[in-house]
Amino acid sequence: MPYVNIKITKEGATKEQKAALIKGATELLVNVLGKNPKTTVVTIDELDTDNWGVGGESITTLREIKS
């Protein structure tokens, strides 16, 4: 049973976008690895930008610097 965990920043992904991510990840496992879609689990975690960091800085800080 494949398990896919998608992590994105919490910035307003719509219900439709999340459904497309779930469908796309499932189809990828079916097409590439021949997995059964009925037993493929996909979860989406949405994280605040304060809780996600790159290069020693939070995403919130990095985006403030860019603006």
PDB file of N, CA and C in Angstrom:
ATOM      1  N   MET A   1       0.842  -1.170   0.000  1.00  0.00           N
ATOM      2  CA  MET A   1       0.000   0.000   0.000  1.00  0.00           C
ATOM      3  C   MET A   1       0.891   1.237   0.000  1.00  0.00           C
ATOM      4  N   PRO A   2       0.966   1.971  -1.113  1.00  0.00           N
ATOM      5  CA  PRO A   2       1.765   3.197  -1.159  1.00  0.00           C
ATOM      6  C   PRO A   2       1.128   4.292  -0.300  1.00  0.00           C
ATOM      7  N   TYR A   3       1.993   5.075   0.302  1.00  0.00           N
ATOM      8  CA  TYR A   3       1.571   6.220   1.105  1.00  0.00           C
ATOM      9  C   TYR A   3       2.377   7.429   0.641  1.00  0.00           C
ATOM     10  N   VAL A   4       1.683   8.462   0.189  1.00  0.00           N
ATOM     11  CA  VAL A   4       2.320   9.685  -0.280  1.00  0.00           C
ATOM     12  C   VAL A   4       1.889  10.821   0.639  1.00  0.00           C
ATOM     13  N   ASN A   5       2.859  11.596   1.133  1.00  0.00           N
ATOM     14  CA  ASN A   5       2.556  12.754   1.968  1.00  0.00           C
ATOM     15  C   ASN A   5       3.066  13.994   1.252  1.00  0.00           C
ATOM     16  N   ILE A   6       2.145  14.862   0.874  1.00  0.00           N
ATOM     17  CA  ILE A   6       2.475  16.113   0.198  1.00  0.00           C
ATOM     18  C   ILE A   6       2.420  17.222   1.237  1.00  0.00           C
ATOM     19  N   LYS A   7       3.489  17.992   1.323  1.00  0.00           N
ATOM     20  CA  LYS A   7       3.527  19.120   2.251  1.00  0.00           C
ATOM     21  C   LYS A   7       3.585  20.405   1.439  1.00  0.00           C
ATOM     22  N   ILE A   8       2.656  21.310   1.742  1.00  0.00           N
ATOM     23  CA  ILE A   8       2.606  22.607   1.066  1.00  0.00           C
ATOM     24  C   ILE A   8       2.431  23.692   2.116  1.00  0.00           C
ATOM     25  N   THR A   9       2.794  24.918   1.760  1.00  0.00           N
ATOM     26  CA  THR A   9       2.551  26.020   2.679  1.00  0.00           C
ATOM     27  C   THR A   9       1.064  26.353   2.659  1.00  0.00           C
ATOM     28  N   LYS A  10       0.582  26.780   3.808  1.00  0.00           N
ATOM     29  CA  LYS A  10      -0.839  27.096   3.967  1.00  0.00           C
ATOM     30  C   LYS A  10      -1.097  28.489   3.402  1.00  0.00           C
ATOM     31  N   GLU A  11      -1.417  28.513   2.119  1.00  0.00           N
ATOM     32  CA  GLU A  11      -1.629  29.801   1.450  1.00  0.00           C
ATOM     33  C   GLU A  11      -2.823  29.763   0.512  1.00  0.00           C
ATOM     34  N   GLY A  12      -3.813  28.992   0.879  1.00  0.00           N
ATOM     35  CA  GLY A  12      -5.056  29.046   0.145  1.00  0.00           C
ATOM     36  C   GLY A  12      -5.210  28.091  -1.022  1.00  0.00           C
ATOM     37  N   ALA A  13      -4.549  26.933  -0.972  1.00  0.00           N
ATOM     38  CA  ALA A  13      -4.818  25.931  -2.013  1.00  0.00           C
ATOM     39  C   ALA A  13      -6.301  25.578  -1.942  1.00  0.00           C
ATOM     40  N   THR A  14      -6.939  25.570  -3.090  1.00  0.00           N
ATOM     41  CA  THR A  14      -8.377  25.304  -3.120  1.00  0.00           C
ATOM     42  C   THR A  14      -8.673  23.809  -2.985  1.00  0.00           C
ATOM     43  N   LYS A  15      -9.908  23.514  -2.704  1.00  0.00           N
ATOM     44  CA  LYS A  15     -10.365  22.122  -2.632  1.00  0.00           C
ATOM     45  C   LYS A  15     -10.090  21.413  -3.961  1.00  0.00           C
ATOM     46  N   GLU A  16     -10.319  22.115  -5.057  1.00  0.00           N
ATOM     47  CA  GLU A  16     -10.096  21.547  -6.386  1.00  0.00           C
ATOM     48  C   GLU A  16      -8.606  21.275  -6.642  1.00  0.00           C
ATOM     49  N   GLN A  17      -7.751  22.192  -6.218  1.00  0.00           N
ATOM     50  CA  GLN A  17      -6.310  21.992  -6.387  1.00  0.00           C
ATOM     51  C   GLN A  17      -5.828  20.791  -5.573  1.00  0.00           C
ATOM     52  N   LYS A  18      -6.319  20.668  -4.355  1.00  0.00           N
ATOM     53  CA  LYS A  18      -5.934  19.530  -3.517  1.00  0.00           C
ATOM     54  C   LYS A  18      -6.428  18.219  -4.128  1.00  0.00           C
ATOM     55  N   ALA A  19      -7.628  18.232  -4.660  1.00  0.00           N
ATOM     56  CA  ALA A  19      -8.157  17.028  -5.318  1.00  0.00           C
ATOM     57  C   ALA A  19      -7.282  16.648  -6.510  1.00  0.00           C
ATOM     58  N   ALA A  20      -6.816  17.662  -7.259  1.00  0.00           N
ATOM     59  CA  ALA A  20      -5.946  17.398  -8.407  1.00  0.00           C
ATOM     60  C   ALA A  20      -4.605  16.818  -7.961  1.00  0.00           C
ATOM     61  N   LEU A  21      -4.060  17.295  -6.852  1.00  0.00           N
ATOM     62  CA  LEU A  21      -2.822  16.732  -6.314  1.00  0.00           C
ATOM     63  C   LEU A  21      -3.008  15.268  -5.915  1.00  0.00           C
ATOM     64  N   ILE A  22      -4.098  14.979  -5.243  1.00  0.00           N
ATOM     65  CA  ILE A  22      -4.378  13.601  -4.824  1.00  0.00           C
ATOM     66  C   ILE A  22      -4.533  12.692  -6.034  1.00  0.00           C
ATOM     67  N   LYS A  23      -5.304  13.143  -7.007  1.00  0.00           N
ATOM     68  CA  LYS A  23      -5.508  12.347  -8.218  1.00  0.00           C
ATOM     69  C   LYS A  23      -4.200  12.151  -8.982  1.00  0.00           C
ATOM     70  N   GLY A  24      -3.433  13.233  -9.131  1.00  0.00           N
ATOM     71  CA  GLY A  24      -2.188  13.158  -9.886  1.00  0.00           C
ATOM     72  C   GLY A  24      -1.156  12.252  -9.239  1.00  0.00           C
ATOM     73  N   ALA A  25      -1.019  12.341  -7.914  1.00  0.00           N
ATOM     74  CA  ALA A  25      -0.056  11.485  -7.206  1.00  0.00           C
ATOM     75  C   ALA A  25      -0.469  10.025  -7.319  1.00  0.00           C
ATOM     76  N   THR A  26      -1.753   9.770  -7.209  1.00  0.00           N
ATOM     77  CA  THR A  26      -2.254   8.398  -7.342  1.00  0.00           C
ATOM     78  C   THR A  26      -1.986   7.863  -8.745  1.00  0.00           C
ATOM     79  N   GLU A  27      -2.310   8.654  -9.763  1.00  0.00           N
ATOM     80  CA  GLU A  27      -2.091   8.233 -11.153  1.00  0.00           C
ATOM     81  C   GLU A  27      -0.612   7.985 -11.437  1.00  0.00           C
ATOM     82  N   LEU A  28       0.261   8.791 -10.854  1.00  0.00           N
ATOM     83  CA  LEU A  28       1.693   8.605 -11.045  1.00  0.00           C
ATOM     84  C   LEU A  28       2.141   7.236 -10.522  1.00  0.00           C
ATOM     85  N   LEU A  29       1.679   6.864  -9.345  1.00  0.00           N
ATOM     86  CA  LEU A  29       2.039   5.564  -8.780  1.00  0.00           C
ATOM     87  C   LEU A  29       1.441   4.415  -9.580  1.00  0.00           C
ATOM     88  N   VAL A  30       0.265   4.607 -10.099  1.00  0.00           N
ATOM     89  CA  VAL A  30      -0.354   3.588 -10.954  1.00  0.00           C
ATOM     90  C   VAL A  30       0.448   3.433 -12.237  1.00  0.00           C
ATOM     91  N   ASN A  31       0.749   4.547 -12.892  1.00  0.00           N
ATOM     92  CA  ASN A  31       1.424   4.511 -14.192  1.00  0.00           C
ATOM     93  C   ASN A  31       2.885   4.085 -14.120  1.00  0.00           C
ATOM     94  N   VAL A  32       3.603   4.514 -13.105  1.00  0.00           N
ATOM     95  CA  VAL A  32       5.039   4.241 -13.025  1.00  0.00           C
ATOM     96  C   VAL A  32       5.324   2.910 -12.336  1.00  0.00           C
ATOM     97  N   LEU A  33       4.608   2.635 -11.248  1.00  0.00           N
ATOM     98  CA  LEU A  33       4.916   1.439 -10.463  1.00  0.00           C
ATOM     99  C   LEU A  33       3.852   0.350 -10.535  1.00  0.00           C
ATOM    100  N   GLY A  34       2.760   0.633 -11.258  1.00  0.00           N
ATOM    101  CA  GLY A  34       1.697  -0.363 -11.378  1.00  0.00           C
ATOM    102  C   GLY A  34       0.930  -0.595 -10.083  1.00  0.00           C
ATOM    103  N   LYS A  35       0.879   0.407  -9.202  1.00  0.00           N
ATOM    104  CA  LYS A  35       0.194   0.255  -7.917  1.00  0.00           C
ATOM    105  C   LYS A  35      -1.314   0.333  -8.080  1.00  0.00           C
ATOM    106  N   ASN A  36      -2.005  -0.294  -7.160  1.00  0.00           N
ATOM    107  CA  ASN A  36      -3.462  -0.298  -7.155  1.00  0.00           C
ATOM    108  C   ASN A  36      -3.957   1.039  -6.601  1.00  0.00           C
ATOM    109  N   PRO A  37      -4.741   1.791  -7.371  1.00  0.00           N
ATOM    110  CA  PRO A  37      -5.215   3.086  -6.881  1.00  0.00           C
ATOM    111  C   PRO A  37      -6.123   2.956  -5.652  1.00  0.00           C
ATOM    112  N   LYS A  38      -6.785   1.826  -5.512  1.00  0.00           N
ATOM    113  CA  LYS A  38      -7.696   1.644  -4.375  1.00  0.00           C
ATOM    114  C   LYS A  38      -6.964   1.487  -3.048  1.00  0.00           C
ATOM    115  N   THR A  39      -5.672   1.171  -3.108  1.00  0.00           N
ATOM    116  CA  THR A  39      -4.908   1.024  -1.873  1.00  0.00           C
ATOM    117  C   THR A  39      -3.809   2.081  -1.745  1.00  0.00           C
ATOM    118  N   THR A  40      -3.859   3.099  -2.595  1.00  0.00           N
ATOM    119  CA  THR A  40      -2.879   4.180  -2.558  1.00  0.00           C
ATOM    120  C   THR A  40      -3.432   5.313  -1.697  1.00  0.00           C
ATOM    121  N   VAL A  41      -2.667   5.681  -0.683  1.00  0.00           N
ATOM    122  CA  VAL A  41      -3.080   6.725   0.253  1.00  0.00           C
ATOM    123  C   VAL A  41      -2.278   7.990  -0.034  1.00  0.00           C
ATOM    124  N   VAL A  42      -2.964   9.118  -0.140  1.00  0.00           N
ATOM    125  CA  VAL A  42      -2.313  10.412  -0.341  1.00  0.00           C
ATOM    126  C   VAL A  42      -2.837  11.364   0.724  1.00  0.00           C
ATOM    127  N   THR A  43      -1.912  11.988   1.465  1.00  0.00           N
ATOM    128  CA  THR A  43      -2.303  12.999   2.442  1.00  0.00           C
ATOM    129  C   THR A  43      -1.640  14.314   2.076  1.00  0.00           C
ATOM    130  N   ILE A  44      -2.291  15.404   2.465  1.00  0.00           N
ATOM    131  CA  ILE A  44      -1.742  16.742   2.238  1.00  0.00           C
ATOM    132  C   ILE A  44      -1.658  17.446   3.584  1.00  0.00           C
ATOM    133  N   ASP A  45      -0.457  17.879   3.941  1.00  0.00           N
ATOM    134  CA  ASP A  45      -0.248  18.681   5.145  1.00  0.00           C
ATOM    135  C   ASP A  45      -0.002  20.110   4.720  1.00  0.00           C
ATOM    136  N   GLU A  46      -0.746  21.024   5.309  1.00  0.00           N
ATOM    137  CA  GLU A  46      -0.550  22.447   5.030  1.00  0.00           C
ATOM    138  C   GLU A  46       0.143  23.080   6.233  1.00  0.00           C
ATOM    139  N   LEU A  47       1.288  23.690   5.987  1.00  0.00           N
ATOM    140  CA  LEU A  47       2.091  24.274   7.050  1.00  0.00           C
ATOM    141  C   LEU A  47       2.126  25.790   6.941  1.00  0.00           C
ATOM    142  N   ASP A  48       2.087  26.451   8.088  1.00  0.00           N
ATOM    143  CA  ASP A  48       2.273  27.901   8.094  1.00  0.00           C
ATOM    144  C   ASP A  48       3.669  28.210   7.588  1.00  0.00           C
ATOM    145  N   THR A  49       3.831  29.320   6.919  1.00  0.00           N
ATOM    146  CA  THR A  49       5.142  29.674   6.374  1.00  0.00           C
ATOM    147  C   THR A  49       6.171  29.917   7.482  1.00  0.00           C
ATOM    148  N   ASP A  50       5.720  30.186   8.714  1.00  0.00           N
ATOM    149  CA  ASP A  50       6.637  30.296   9.847  1.00  0.00           C
ATOM    150  C   ASP A  50       7.223  28.938  10.231  1.00  0.00           C
ATOM    151  N   ASN A  51       6.555  27.860   9.834  1.00  0.00           N
ATOM    152  CA  ASN A  51       6.963  26.504  10.201  1.00  0.00           C
ATOM    153  C   ASN A  51       7.697  25.782   9.083  1.00  0.00           C
ATOM    154  N   TRP A  52       8.149  26.512   8.077  1.00  0.00           N
ATOM    155  CA  TRP A  52       8.841  25.925   6.935  1.00  0.00           C
ATOM    156  C   TRP A  52      10.059  26.794   6.656  1.00  0.00           C
ATOM    157  N   GLY A  53      11.222  26.187   6.629  1.00  0.00           N
ATOM    158  CA  GLY A  53      12.426  26.974   6.423  1.00  0.00           C
ATOM    159  C   GLY A  53      13.300  26.431   5.314  1.00  0.00           C
ATOM    160  N   VAL A  54      14.037  27.319   4.681  1.00  0.00           N
ATOM    161  CA  VAL A  54      15.003  26.969   3.640  1.00  0.00           C
ATOM    162  C   VAL A  54      16.247  27.815   3.885  1.00  0.00           C
ATOM    163  N   GLY A  55      17.406  27.179   3.875  1.00  0.00           N
ATOM    164  CA  GLY A  55      18.656  27.921   4.028  1.00  0.00           C
ATOM    165  C   GLY A  55      18.776  28.665   5.346  1.00  0.00           C
ATOM    166  N   GLY A  56      18.153  28.141   6.387  1.00  0.00           N
ATOM    167  CA  GLY A  56      18.259  28.761   7.704  1.00  0.00           C
ATOM    168  C   GLY A  56      17.269  29.873   7.970  1.00  0.00           C
ATOM    169  N   GLU A  57      16.367  30.138   7.040  1.00  0.00           N
ATOM    170  CA  GLU A  57      15.358  31.197   7.197  1.00  0.00           C
ATOM    171  C   GLU A  57      13.967  30.614   6.973  1.00  0.00           C
ATOM    172  N   SER A  58      12.997  31.170   7.690  1.00  0.00           N
ATOM    173  CA  SER A  58      11.620  30.736   7.462  1.00  0.00           C
ATOM    174  C   SER A  58      11.140  31.278   6.114  1.00  0.00           C
ATOM    175  N   ILE A  59      10.169  30.611   5.550  1.00  0.00           N
ATOM    176  CA  ILE A  59       9.582  31.082   4.294  1.00  0.00           C
ATOM    177  C   ILE A  59       8.985  32.478   4.489  1.00  0.00           C
ATOM    178  N   THR A  60       8.394  32.711   5.648  1.00  0.00           N
ATOM    179  CA  THR A  60       7.836  34.036   5.931  1.00  0.00           C
ATOM    180  C   THR A  60       8.917  35.102   5.795  1.00  0.00           C
ATOM    181  N   THR A  61      10.064  34.875   6.429  1.00  0.00           N
ATOM    182  CA  THR A  61      11.176  35.834   6.373  1.00  0.00           C
ATOM    183  C   THR A  61      11.691  35.987   4.953  1.00  0.00           C
ATOM    184  N   LEU A  62      11.884  34.866   4.252  1.00  0.00           N
ATOM    185  CA  LEU A  62      12.396  34.938   2.890  1.00  0.00           C
ATOM    186  C   LEU A  62      11.465  35.727   1.978  1.00  0.00           C
ATOM    187  N   ARG A  63      10.189  35.574   2.158  1.00  0.00           N
ATOM    188  CA  ARG A  63       9.232  36.318   1.316  1.00  0.00           C
ATOM    189  C   ARG A  63       9.205  37.792   1.679  1.00  0.00           C
ATOM    190  N   GLU A  64       9.428  38.110   2.963  1.00  0.00           N
ATOM    191  CA  GLU A  64       9.491  39.525   3.367  1.00  0.00           C
ATOM    192  C   GLU A  64      10.710  40.193   2.749  1.00  0.00           C
ATOM    193  N   ILE A  65      11.815  39.470   2.688  1.00  0.00           N
ATOM    194  CA  ILE A  65      13.052  40.016   2.109  1.00  0.00           C
ATOM    195  C   ILE A  65      12.861  40.301   0.619  1.00  0.00           C
ATOM    196  N   LYS A  66      12.128  39.402  -0.081  1.00  0.00           N
ATOM    197  CA  LYS A  66      11.915  39.567  -1.528  1.00  0.00           C
ATOM    198  C   LYS A  66      11.049  40.775  -1.855  1.00  0.00           C
ATOM    199  N   SER A  67      10.118  41.142  -0.926  1.00  0.00           N
ATOM    200  CA  SER A  67       9.201  42.227  -1.261  1.00  0.00           C
ATOM    201  C   SER A  67       9.777  43.589  -1.053  1.00  0.00           C
TER     202      SER A  67
END
